[in-house]
PDB file of N, CA and C in Angstrom:
ATOM      1  N   MET A   1     102.562 108.495 102.304  1.00  0.00           N
ATOM      2  CA  MET A   1     101.186 108.181 102.002  1.00  0.00           C
ATOM      3  C   MET A   1     101.111 106.746 101.515  1.00  0.00           C
ATOM      4  N   ILE A   2     100.148 106.012 102.007  1.00  0.00           N
ATOM      5  CA  ILE A   2      99.908 104.641 101.583  1.00  0.00           C
ATOM      6  C   ILE A   2      98.699 104.648 100.663  1.00  0.00           C
ATOM      7  N   LEU A   3      98.885 104.120  99.461  1.00  0.00           N
ATOM      8  CA  LEU A   3      97.801 104.050  98.498  1.00  0.00           C
ATOM      9  C   LEU A   3      97.118 102.705  98.646  1.00  0.00           C
ATOM     10  N   SER A   4      95.869 102.714  99.050  1.00  0.00           N
ATOM     11  CA  SER A   4      95.100 101.498  99.233  1.00  0.00           C
ATOM     12  C   SER A   4      93.696 101.742  98.719  1.00  0.00           C
ATOM     13  N   THR A   5      93.128 100.757  98.064  1.00  0.00           N
ATOM     14  CA  THR A   5      91.793 100.910  97.498  1.00  0.00           C
ATOM     15  C   THR A   5      90.901  99.756  97.917  1.00  0.00           C
ATOM     16  N   ASN A   6      89.625  99.884  97.618  1.00  0.00           N
ATOM     17  CA  ASN A   6      88.709  98.799  97.960  1.00  0.00           C
ATOM     18  C   ASN A   6      88.817  97.671  96.947  1.00  0.00           C
ATOM     19  N   SER A   7      88.192  96.551  97.229  1.00  0.00           N
ATOM     20  CA  SER A   7      88.329  95.368  96.389  1.00  0.00           C
ATOM     21  C   SER A   7      87.575  95.471  95.059  1.00  0.00           C
ATOM     22  N   GLU A   8      86.732  96.486  94.862  1.00  0.00           N
ATOM     23  CA  GLU A   8      86.006  96.638  93.606  1.00  0.00           C
ATOM     24  C   GLU A   8      86.883  97.240  92.510  1.00  0.00           C
ATOM     25  N   PHE A   9      87.983  97.813  92.883  1.00  0.00           N
ATOM     26  CA  PHE A   9      88.908  98.459  91.959  1.00  0.00           C
ATOM     27  C   PHE A   9      89.744  97.380  91.272  1.00  0.00           C
ATOM     28  N   THR A  10      89.606  97.196  89.942  1.00  0.00           N
ATOM     29  CA  THR A  10      90.323  96.120  89.266  1.00  0.00           C
ATOM     30  C   THR A  10      91.191  96.589  88.099  1.00  0.00           C
ATOM     31  N   VAL A  11      91.155  97.871  87.751  1.00  0.00           N
ATOM     32  CA  VAL A  11      91.942  98.378  86.627  1.00  0.00           C
ATOM     33  C   VAL A  11      92.726  99.605  87.059  1.00  0.00           C
ATOM     34  N   ILE A  12      93.998  99.616  86.719  1.00  0.00           N
ATOM     35  CA  ILE A  12      94.846 100.794  86.918  1.00  0.00           C
ATOM     36  C   ILE A  12      95.145 101.325  85.525  1.00  0.00           C
ATOM     37  N   SER A  13      94.971 102.594  85.304  1.00  0.00           N
ATOM     38  CA  SER A  13      95.212 103.190  83.993  1.00  0.00           C
ATOM     39  C   SER A  13      96.680 103.579  83.827  1.00  0.00           C
ATOM     40  N   GLU A  14      97.131 103.654  82.558  1.00  0.00           N
ATOM     41  CA  GLU A  14      98.468 104.168  82.289  1.00  0.00           C
ATOM     42  C   GLU A  14      98.586 105.568  82.885  1.00  0.00           C
ATOM     43  N   TYR A  15      99.736 105.877  83.412  1.00  0.00           N
ATOM     44  CA  TYR A  15     100.038 107.183  84.015  1.00  0.00           C
ATOM     45  C   TYR A  15      99.184 107.506  85.244  1.00  0.00           C
ATOM     46  N   ALA A  16      98.475 106.549  85.800  1.00  0.00           N
ATOM     47  CA  ALA A  16      97.548 106.809  86.908  1.00  0.00           C
ATOM     48  C   ALA A  16      98.196 107.539  88.081  1.00  0.00           C
ATOM     49  N   PHE A  17      99.397 107.158  88.450  1.00  0.00           N
ATOM     50  CA  PHE A  17     100.059 107.758  89.606  1.00  0.00           C
ATOM     51  C   PHE A  17     101.437 108.303  89.223  1.00  0.00           C
ATOM     52  N   TYR A  18     101.606 108.643  87.982  1.00  0.00           N
ATOM     53  CA  TYR A  18     102.847 109.180  87.435  1.00  0.00           C
ATOM     54  C   TYR A  18     103.294 110.407  88.237  1.00  0.00           C
ATOM     55  N   ASN A  19     104.534 110.413  88.661  1.00  0.00           N
ATOM     56  CA  ASN A  19     105.138 111.527  89.412  1.00  0.00           C
ATOM     57  C   ASN A  19     104.529 111.769  90.794  1.00  0.00           C
ATOM     58  N   CYS A  20     103.875 110.785  91.373  1.00  0.00           N
ATOM     59  CA  CYS A  20     103.308 110.938  92.723  1.00  0.00           C
ATOM     60  C   CYS A  20     104.378 110.580  93.747  1.00  0.00           C
ATOM     61  N   SER A  21     105.237 111.507  94.042  1.00  0.00           N
ATOM     62  CA  SER A  21     106.368 111.226  94.923  1.00  0.00           C
ATOM     63  C   SER A  21     105.961 111.034  96.382  1.00  0.00           C
ATOM     64  N   GLY A  22     104.740 111.354  96.740  1.00  0.00           N
ATOM     65  CA  GLY A  22     104.295 111.186  98.117  1.00  0.00           C
ATOM     66  C   GLY A  22     103.881 109.768  98.470  1.00  0.00           C
ATOM     67  N   ILE A  23     103.729 108.909  97.484  1.00  0.00           N
ATOM     68  CA  ILE A  23     103.323 107.525  97.751  1.00  0.00           C
ATOM     69  C   ILE A  23     104.524 106.729  98.241  1.00  0.00           C
ATOM     70  N   THR A  24     104.371 106.060  99.387  1.00  0.00           N
ATOM     71  CA  THR A  24     105.443 105.234  99.941  1.00  0.00           C
ATOM     72  C   THR A  24     105.137 103.740  99.841  1.00  0.00           C
ATOM     73  N   GLN A  25     103.849 103.403  99.790  1.00  0.00           N
ATOM     74  CA  GLN A  25     103.436 102.006  99.739  1.00  0.00           C
ATOM     75  C   GLN A  25     102.148 101.903  98.947  1.00  0.00           C
ATOM     76  N   ILE A  26     102.015 100.841  98.152  1.00  0.00           N
ATOM     77  CA  ILE A  26     100.746 100.599  97.467  1.00  0.00           C
ATOM     78  C   ILE A  26     100.250  99.200  97.799  1.00  0.00           C
ATOM     79  N   ASN A  27      98.956  99.098  97.980  1.00  0.00           N
ATOM     80  CA  ASN A  27      98.291  97.815  98.190  1.00  0.00           C
ATOM     81  C   ASN A  27      97.468  97.543  96.942  1.00  0.00           C
ATOM     82  N   ILE A  28      97.873  96.549  96.178  1.00  0.00           N
ATOM     83  CA  ILE A  28      97.188  96.215  94.931  1.00  0.00           C
ATOM     84  C   ILE A  28      95.959  95.378  95.264  1.00  0.00           C
ATOM     85  N   PRO A  29      94.767  95.831  94.882  1.00  0.00           N
ATOM     86  CA  PRO A  29      93.558  95.065  95.201  1.00  0.00           C
ATOM     87  C   PRO A  29      93.463  93.762  94.413  1.00  0.00           C
ATOM     88  N   GLU A  30      92.778  92.810  94.997  1.00  0.00           N
ATOM     89  CA  GLU A  30      92.509  91.543  94.335  1.00  0.00           C
ATOM     90  C   GLU A  30      91.752  91.830  93.037  1.00  0.00           C
ATOM     91  N   GLY A  31      92.095  91.157  91.977  1.00  0.00           N
ATOM     92  CA  GLY A  31      91.426  91.370  90.698  1.00  0.00           C
ATOM     93  C   GLY A  31      92.248  92.177  89.718  1.00  0.00           C
ATOM     94  N   VAL A  32      93.245  92.906  90.203  1.00  0.00           N
ATOM     95  CA  VAL A  32      94.131  93.650  89.305  1.00  0.00           C
ATOM     96  C   VAL A  32      95.145  92.660  88.744  1.00  0.00           C
ATOM     97  N   THR A  33      95.157  92.525  87.416  1.00  0.00           N
ATOM     98  CA  THR A  33      96.072  91.578  86.776  1.00  0.00           C
ATOM     99  C   THR A  33      97.205  92.267  86.015  1.00  0.00           C
ATOM    100  N   THR A  34      97.063  93.569  85.779  1.00  0.00           N
ATOM    101  CA  THR A  34      98.074  94.295  85.022  1.00  0.00           C
ATOM    102  C   THR A  34      98.432  95.602  85.708  1.00  0.00           C
ATOM    103  N   ILE A  35      99.726  95.838  85.864  1.00  0.00           N
ATOM    104  CA  ILE A  35     100.216  97.156  86.238  1.00  0.00           C
ATOM    105  C   ILE A  35     100.635  97.770  84.901  1.00  0.00           C
ATOM    106  N   PRO A  36      99.867  98.699  84.367  1.00  0.00           N
ATOM    107  CA  PRO A  36     100.125  99.194  83.009  1.00  0.00           C
ATOM    108  C   PRO A  36     101.359 100.098  82.930  1.00  0.00           C
ATOM    109  N   GLY A  37     101.742 100.384  81.714  1.00  0.00           N
ATOM    110  CA  GLY A  37     102.883 101.240  81.466  1.00  0.00           C
ATOM    111  C   GLY A  37     102.750 102.587  82.154  1.00  0.00           C
ATOM    112  N   TYR A  38     103.851 103.030  82.740  1.00  0.00           N
ATOM    113  CA  TYR A  38     103.982 104.360  83.340  1.00  0.00           C
ATOM    114  C   TYR A  38     103.111 104.574  84.584  1.00  0.00           C
ATOM    115  N   ALA A  39     102.418 103.564  85.061  1.00  0.00           N
ATOM    116  CA  ALA A  39     101.461 103.730  86.160  1.00  0.00           C
ATOM    117  C   ALA A  39     102.072 104.369  87.406  1.00  0.00           C
ATOM    118  N   PHE A  40     103.282 103.973  87.766  1.00  0.00           N
ATOM    119  CA  PHE A  40     103.928 104.489  88.973  1.00  0.00           C
ATOM    120  C   PHE A  40     105.296 105.102  88.658  1.00  0.00           C
ATOM    121  N   GLN A  41     105.511 105.482  87.416  1.00  0.00           N
ATOM    122  CA  GLN A  41     106.795 106.056  87.025  1.00  0.00           C
ATOM    123  C   GLN A  41     107.089 107.313  87.836  1.00  0.00           C
ATOM    124  N   ASN A  42     108.329 107.435  88.259  1.00  0.00           N
ATOM    125  CA  ASN A  42     108.828 108.586  89.021  1.00  0.00           C
ATOM    126  C   ASN A  42     108.201 108.745  90.410  1.00  0.00           C
ATOM    127  N   CYS A  43     107.656 107.691  90.956  1.00  0.00           N
ATOM    128  CA  CYS A  43     107.172 107.722  92.342  1.00  0.00           C
ATOM    129  C   CYS A  43     108.389 107.430  93.224  1.00  0.00           C
ATOM    130  N   SER A  44     109.204 108.424  93.397  1.00  0.00           N
ATOM    131  CA  SER A  44     110.535 108.253  93.978  1.00  0.00           C
ATOM    132  C   SER A  44     110.548 107.759  95.422  1.00  0.00           C
ATOM    133  N   ASN A  45     109.480 107.920  96.154  1.00  0.00           N
ATOM    134  CA  ASN A  45     109.439 107.450  97.540  1.00  0.00           C
ATOM    135  C   ASN A  45     108.709 106.120  97.709  1.00  0.00           C
ATOM    136  N   LEU A  46     108.234 105.548  96.617  1.00  0.00           N
ATOM    137  CA  LEU A  46     107.548 104.260  96.677  1.00  0.00           C
ATOM    138  C   LEU A  46     108.556 103.171  97.027  1.00  0.00           C
ATOM    139  N   ALA A  47     108.354 102.516  98.165  1.00  0.00           N
ATOM    140  CA  ALA A  47     109.298 101.511  98.647  1.00  0.00           C
ATOM    141  C   ALA A  47     108.699 100.116  98.737  1.00  0.00           C
ATOM    142  N   THR A  48     107.361 100.029  98.818  1.00  0.00           N
ATOM    143  CA  THR A  48     106.721  98.736  99.056  1.00  0.00           C
ATOM    144  C   THR A  48     105.474  98.563  98.198  1.00  0.00           C
ATOM    145  N   VAL A  49     105.364  97.381  97.573  1.00  0.00           N
ATOM    146  CA  VAL A  49     104.154  96.989  96.851  1.00  0.00           C
ATOM    147  C   VAL A  49     103.633  95.740  97.548  1.00  0.00           C
ATOM    148  N   LYS A  50     102.392  95.795  98.029  1.00  0.00           N
ATOM    149  CA  LYS A  50     101.804  94.671  98.762  1.00  0.00           C
ATOM    150  C   LYS A  50     100.610  94.104  98.013  1.00  0.00           C
ATOM    151  N   ASN A  51     100.305  92.860  98.317  1.00  0.00           N
ATOM    152  CA  ASN A  51      99.108  92.171  97.829  1.00  0.00           C
ATOM    153  C   ASN A  51      99.026  92.123  96.309  1.00  0.00           C
ATOM    154  N   ALA A  52     100.136  91.924  95.649  1.00  0.00           N
ATOM    155  CA  ALA A  52     100.151  91.876  94.178  1.00  0.00           C
ATOM    156  C   ALA A  52     100.051  90.450  93.656  1.00  0.00           C
ATOM    157  N   SER A  53      99.465  89.572  94.434  1.00  0.00           N
ATOM    158  CA  SER A  53      99.474  88.139  94.104  1.00  0.00           C
ATOM    159  C   SER A  53      98.712  87.782  92.826  1.00  0.00           C
ATOM    160  N   GLY A  54      97.855  88.649  92.321  1.00  0.00           N
ATOM    161  CA  GLY A  54      97.126  88.357  91.090  1.00  0.00           C
ATOM    162  C   GLY A  54      97.696  89.030  89.856  1.00  0.00           C
ATOM    163  N   VAL A  55      98.739  89.833  90.030  1.00  0.00           N
ATOM    164  CA  VAL A  55      99.323  90.569  88.911  1.00  0.00           C
ATOM    165  C   VAL A  55     100.074  89.612  87.994  1.00  0.00           C
ATOM    166  N   GLU A  56      99.734  89.660  86.703  1.00  0.00           N
ATOM    167  CA  GLU A  56     100.366  88.803  85.702  1.00  0.00           C
ATOM    168  C   GLU A  56     101.324  89.571  84.801  1.00  0.00           C
ATOM    169  N   THR A  57     101.042  90.869  84.569  1.00  0.00           N
ATOM    170  CA  THR A  57     101.831  91.666  83.638  1.00  0.00           C
ATOM    171  C   THR A  57     102.243  92.984  84.282  1.00  0.00           C
ATOM    172  N   ILE A  58     103.517  93.324  84.117  1.00  0.00           N
ATOM    173  CA  ILE A  58     104.028  94.614  84.561  1.00  0.00           C
ATOM    174  C   ILE A  58     104.446  95.368  83.305  1.00  0.00           C
ATOM    175  N   GLY A  59     103.811  96.489  83.056  1.00  0.00           N
ATOM    176  CA  GLY A  59     103.963  97.235  81.815  1.00  0.00           C
ATOM    177  C   GLY A  59     105.272  97.990  81.676  1.00  0.00           C
ATOM    178  N   THR A  60     105.497  98.470  80.466  1.00  0.00           N
ATOM    179  CA  THR A  60     106.673  99.260  80.133  1.00  0.00           C
ATOM    180  C   THR A  60     106.745 100.511  81.017  1.00  0.00           C
ATOM    181  N   TYR A  61     107.878 100.722  81.634  1.00  0.00           N
ATOM    182  CA  TYR A  61     108.127 101.871  82.514  1.00  0.00           C
ATOM    183  C   TYR A  61     107.171 101.936  83.716  1.00  0.00           C
ATOM    184  N   ALA A  62     106.524 100.851  84.071  1.00  0.00           N
ATOM    185  CA  ALA A  62     105.530 100.862  85.149  1.00  0.00           C
ATOM    186  C   ALA A  62     106.084 101.428  86.461  1.00  0.00           C
ATOM    187  N   PHE A  63     107.295 101.041  86.818  1.00  0.00           N
ATOM    188  CA  PHE A  63     107.912 101.505  88.063  1.00  0.00           C
ATOM    189  C   PHE A  63     109.241 102.213  87.792  1.00  0.00           C
ATOM    190  N   ASN A  64     109.414 102.735  86.621  1.00  0.00           N
ATOM    191  CA  ASN A  64     110.645 103.426  86.239  1.00  0.00           C
ATOM    192  C   ASN A  64     110.959 104.553  87.221  1.00  0.00           C
ATOM    193  N   ASN A  65     112.197 104.609  87.653  1.00  0.00           N
ATOM    194  CA  ASN A  65     112.686 105.650  88.572  1.00  0.00           C
ATOM    195  C   ASN A  65     112.024 105.651  89.951  1.00  0.00           C
ATOM    196  N   CYS A  66     111.547 104.506  90.386  1.00  0.00           N
ATOM    197  CA  CYS A  66     111.070 104.381  91.769  1.00  0.00           C
ATOM    198  C   CYS A  66     112.307 104.035  92.608  1.00  0.00           C
ATOM    199  N   THR A  67     113.050 105.034  92.958  1.00  0.00           N
ATOM    200  CA  THR A  67     114.381 104.861  93.530  1.00  0.00           C
ATOM    201  C   THR A  67     114.405 104.371  94.972  1.00  0.00           C
ATOM    202  N   SER A  68     113.272 104.283  95.641  1.00  0.00           N
ATOM    203  CA  SER A  68     113.251 103.840  97.040  1.00  0.00           C
ATOM    204  C   SER A  68     113.076 102.338  97.208  1.00  0.00           C
ATOM    205  N   PHE A  69     112.836 101.606  96.108  1.00  0.00           N
ATOM    206  CA  PHE A  69     112.771 100.141  96.216  1.00  0.00           C
ATOM    207  C   PHE A  69     114.138  99.614  96.634  1.00  0.00           C
ATOM    208  N   ALA A  70     114.174  98.746  97.640  1.00  0.00           N
ATOM    209  CA  ALA A  70     115.420  98.096  98.034  1.00  0.00           C
ATOM    210  C   ALA A  70     115.395  96.622  97.643  1.00  0.00           C
ATOM    211  N   GLU A  71     114.204  96.056  97.690  1.00  0.00           N
ATOM    212  CA  GLU A  71     114.042  94.637  97.393  1.00  0.00           C
ATOM    213  C   GLU A  71     112.777  94.459  96.577  1.00  0.00           C
ATOM    214  N   MET A  72     112.823  93.566  95.615  1.00  0.00           N
ATOM    215  CA  MET A  72     111.667  93.325  94.764  1.00  0.00           C
ATOM    216  C   MET A  72     111.355  91.833  94.798  1.00  0.00           C
ATOM    217  N   ASN A  73     110.212  91.471  95.379  1.00  0.00           N
ATOM    218  CA  ASN A  73     109.744  90.084  95.403  1.00  0.00           C
ATOM    219  C   ASN A  73     108.546  89.989  94.479  1.00  0.00           C
ATOM    220  N   LEU A  74     108.774  89.470  93.294  1.00  0.00           N
ATOM    221  CA  LEU A  74     107.696  89.360  92.316  1.00  0.00           C
ATOM    222  C   LEU A  74     106.882  88.106  92.601  1.00  0.00           C
ATOM    223  N   PRO A  75     105.562  88.231  92.664  1.00  0.00           N
ATOM    224  CA  PRO A  75     104.735  87.065  92.972  1.00  0.00           C
ATOM    225  C   PRO A  75     104.781  86.023  91.855  1.00  0.00           C
ATOM    226  N   ALA A  76     104.431  84.802  92.201  1.00  0.00           N
ATOM    227  CA  ALA A  76     104.433  83.700  91.235  1.00  0.00           C
ATOM    228  C   ALA A  76     103.496  83.954  90.068  1.00  0.00           C
ATOM    229  N   SER A  77     102.500  84.810  90.253  1.00  0.00           N
ATOM    230  CA  SER A  77     101.526  85.079  89.194  1.00  0.00           C
ATOM    231  C   SER A  77     102.110  85.881  88.035  1.00  0.00           C
ATOM    232  N   VAL A  78     103.231  86.587  88.246  1.00  0.00           N
ATOM    233  CA  VAL A  78     103.806  87.428  87.189  1.00  0.00           C
ATOM    234  C   VAL A  78     104.377  86.557  86.080  1.00  0.00           C
ATOM    235  N   VAL A  79     103.849  86.771  84.867  1.00  0.00           N
ATOM    236  CA  VAL A  79     104.270  86.032  83.686  1.00  0.00           C
ATOM    237  C   VAL A  79     105.146  86.915  82.795  1.00  0.00           C
ATOM    238  N   THR A  80     104.833  88.222  82.761  1.00  0.00           N
ATOM    239  CA  THR A  80     105.524  89.135  81.852  1.00  0.00           C
ATOM    240  C   THR A  80     105.960  90.412  82.561  1.00  0.00           C
ATOM    241  N   ILE A  81     107.234  90.739  82.375  1.00  0.00           N
ATOM    242  CA  ILE A  81     107.767  92.039  82.791  1.00  0.00           C
ATOM    243  C   ILE A  81     108.199  92.716  81.496  1.00  0.00           C
ATOM    244  N   ASN A  82     107.596  93.827  81.170  1.00  0.00           N
ATOM    245  CA  ASN A  82     107.909  94.515  79.919  1.00  0.00           C
ATOM    246  C   ASN A  82     109.171  95.365  80.039  1.00  0.00           C
ATOM    247  N   SER A  83     109.656  95.835  78.901  1.00  0.00           N
ATOM    248  CA  SER A  83     110.878  96.626  78.832  1.00  0.00           C
ATOM    249  C   SER A  83     110.829  97.832  79.759  1.00  0.00           C
ATOM    250  N   TYR A  84     111.945  98.084  80.406  1.00  0.00           N
ATOM    251  CA  TYR A  84     112.148  99.249  81.272  1.00  0.00           C
ATOM    252  C   TYR A  84     111.217  99.295  82.483  1.00  0.00           C
ATOM    253  N   ALA A  85     110.553  98.207  82.809  1.00  0.00           N
ATOM    254  CA  ALA A  85     109.576  98.211  83.902  1.00  0.00           C
ATOM    255  C   ALA A  85     110.138  98.749  85.213  1.00  0.00           C
ATOM    256  N   PHE A  86     111.368  98.382  85.552  1.00  0.00           N
ATOM    257  CA  PHE A  86     111.993  98.816  86.802  1.00  0.00           C
ATOM    258  C   PHE A  86     113.288  99.584  86.547  1.00  0.00           C
ATOM    259  N   SER A  87     113.477 100.069  85.347  1.00  0.00           N
ATOM    260  CA  SER A  87     114.730 100.770  85.054  1.00  0.00           C
ATOM    261  C   SER A  87     114.841 102.029  85.914  1.00  0.00           C
ATOM    262  N   GLY A  88     116.049 102.340  86.300  1.00  0.00           N
ATOM    263  CA  GLY A  88     116.279 103.524  87.129  1.00  0.00           C
ATOM    264  C   GLY A  88     115.945 103.346  88.595  1.00  0.00           C
ATOM    265  N   CYS A  89     115.580 102.131  89.003  1.00  0.00           N
ATOM    266  CA  CYS A  89     115.281 101.864  90.415  1.00  0.00           C
ATOM    267  C   CYS A  89     116.602 101.563  91.123  1.00  0.00           C
ATOM    268  N   LYS A  90     117.366 102.591  91.363  1.00  0.00           N
ATOM    269  CA  LYS A  90     118.750 102.472  91.822  1.00  0.00           C
ATOM    270  C   LYS A  90     118.902 101.854  93.201  1.00  0.00           C
ATOM    271  N   GLY A  91     117.841 101.822  93.990  1.00  0.00           N
ATOM    272  CA  GLY A  91     117.936 101.254  95.328  1.00  0.00           C
ATOM    273  C   GLY A  91     117.791  99.739  95.379  1.00  0.00           C
ATOM    274  N   ILE A  92     117.337  99.121  94.299  1.00  0.00           N
ATOM    275  CA  ILE A  92     117.116  97.669  94.306  1.00  0.00           C
ATOM    276  C   ILE A  92     118.441  96.934  94.458  1.00  0.00           C
ATOM    277  N   GLN A  93     118.491  96.072  95.474  1.00  0.00           N
ATOM    278  CA  GLN A  93     119.671  95.246  95.696  1.00  0.00           C
ATOM    279  C   GLN A  93     119.369  93.772  95.525  1.00  0.00           C
ATOM    280  N   ASN A  94     118.115  93.376  95.700  1.00  0.00           N
ATOM    281  CA  ASN A  94     117.694  91.983  95.552  1.00  0.00           C
ATOM    282  C   ASN A  94     116.419  91.912  94.733  1.00  0.00           C
ATOM    283  N   VAL A  95     116.353  90.933  93.829  1.00  0.00           N
ATOM    284  CA  VAL A  95     115.130  90.674  93.065  1.00  0.00           C
ATOM    285  C   VAL A  95     114.850  89.179  93.145  1.00  0.00           C
ATOM    286  N   THR A  96     113.625  88.830  93.510  1.00  0.00           N
ATOM    287  CA  THR A  96     113.197  87.438  93.524  1.00  0.00           C
ATOM    288  C   THR A  96     112.108  87.284  92.485  1.00  0.00           C
ATOM    289  N   PHE A  97     112.354  86.403  91.506  1.00  0.00           N
ATOM    290  CA  PHE A  97     111.395  86.164  90.427  1.00  0.00           C
ATOM    291  C   PHE A  97     110.507  84.985  90.775  1.00  0.00           C
ATOM    292  N   GLY A  98     109.217  85.091  90.415  1.00  0.00           N
ATOM    293  CA  GLY A  98     108.301  83.970  90.592  1.00  0.00           C
ATOM    294  C   GLY A  98     108.562  82.896  89.559  1.00  0.00           C
ATOM    295  N   GLU A  99     108.111  81.697  89.841  1.00  0.00           N
ATOM    296  CA  GLU A  99     108.399  80.557  88.964  1.00  0.00           C
ATOM    297  C   GLU A  99     107.653  80.576  87.631  1.00  0.00           C
ATOM    298  N   ASN A 100     106.674  81.438  87.460  1.00  0.00           N
ATOM    299  CA  ASN A 100     105.904  81.477  86.213  1.00  0.00           C
ATOM    300  C   ASN A 100     106.380  82.539  85.227  1.00  0.00           C
ATOM    301  N   LEU A 101     107.442  83.274  85.559  1.00  0.00           N
ATOM    302  CA  LEU A 101     107.934  84.330  84.685  1.00  0.00           C
ATOM    303  C   LEU A 101     108.416  83.744  83.367  1.00  0.00           C
ATOM    304  N   LYS A 102     107.820  84.227  82.270  1.00  0.00           N
ATOM    305  CA  LYS A 102     108.188  83.749  80.937  1.00  0.00           C
ATOM    306  C   LYS A 102     108.910  84.821  80.133  1.00  0.00           C
ATOM    307  N   THR A 103     108.582  86.101  80.362  1.00  0.00           N
ATOM    308  CA  THR A 103     109.164  87.186  79.584  1.00  0.00           C
ATOM    309  C   THR A 103     109.709  88.266  80.501  1.00  0.00           C
ATOM    310  N   ASN A 104     110.981  88.550  80.324  1.00  0.00           N
ATOM    311  CA  ASN A 104     111.632  89.640  81.034  1.00  0.00           C
ATOM    312  C   ASN A 104     112.127  90.592  79.943  1.00  0.00           C
ATOM    313  N   GLY A 105     111.441  91.686  79.724  1.00  0.00           N
ATOM    314  CA  GLY A 105     111.728  92.607  78.633  1.00  0.00           C
ATOM    315  C   GLY A 105     113.110  93.233  78.693  1.00  0.00           C
ATOM    316  N   GLU A 106     113.525  93.751  77.548  1.00  0.00           N
ATOM    317  CA  GLU A 106     114.806  94.412  77.459  1.00  0.00           C
ATOM    318  C   GLU A 106     114.904  95.553  78.450  1.00  0.00           C
ATOM    319  N   TYR A 107     116.036  95.651  79.081  1.00  0.00           N
ATOM    320  CA  TYR A 107     116.355  96.737  80.008  1.00  0.00           C
ATOM    321  C   TYR A 107     115.360  96.862  81.167  1.00  0.00           C
ATOM    322  N   ALA A 108     114.698  95.774  81.512  1.00  0.00           N
ATOM    323  CA  ALA A 108     113.699  95.823  82.578  1.00  0.00           C
ATOM    324  C   ALA A 108     114.282  96.321  83.898  1.00  0.00           C
ATOM    325  N   PHE A 109     115.546  96.021  84.151  1.00  0.00           N
ATOM    326  CA  PHE A 109     116.193  96.432  85.394  1.00  0.00           C
ATOM    327  C   PHE A 109     117.448  97.272  85.109  1.00  0.00           C
ATOM    328  N   GLN A 110     117.413  98.027  84.039  1.00  0.00           N
ATOM    329  CA  GLN A 110     118.546  98.871  83.665  1.00  0.00           C
ATOM    330  C   GLN A 110     118.805  99.934  84.740  1.00  0.00           C
ATOM    331  N   ASN A 111     120.067 100.155  85.036  1.00  0.00           N
ATOM    332  CA  ASN A 111     120.499 101.165  86.014  1.00  0.00           C
ATOM    333  C   ASN A 111     119.950 100.918  87.423  1.00  0.00           C
ATOM    334  N   CYS A 112     119.862  99.665  87.784  1.00  0.00           N
ATOM    335  CA  CYS A 112     119.443  99.319  89.146  1.00  0.00           C
ATOM    336  C   CYS A 112     120.692  98.990  89.955  1.00  0.00           C
TER     337      CYS A 112
END
């Protein structure tokens, strides 16, 4: 399942898609600046995040245990990655950080 929304959607709530193992790809709408804590935790089949060019903050445990990620290309807009944001993403083999990253929280990529 591909999760895609219209451009009027600008806020994702904590736990919004927690444990949604059927999601394989998400398209982040323009205007979303924060992926909050736990938003996509345990989405084990999530492999691709697209159109995240406006995201500035990735919350605590936001993508925890998303084991299908193989590569993570963080857009230049990302300034903060909070603790445990991608922990448990065992499939990640490559991570590309944007040039504006200022904070990489503790254990952000633990067990990857």
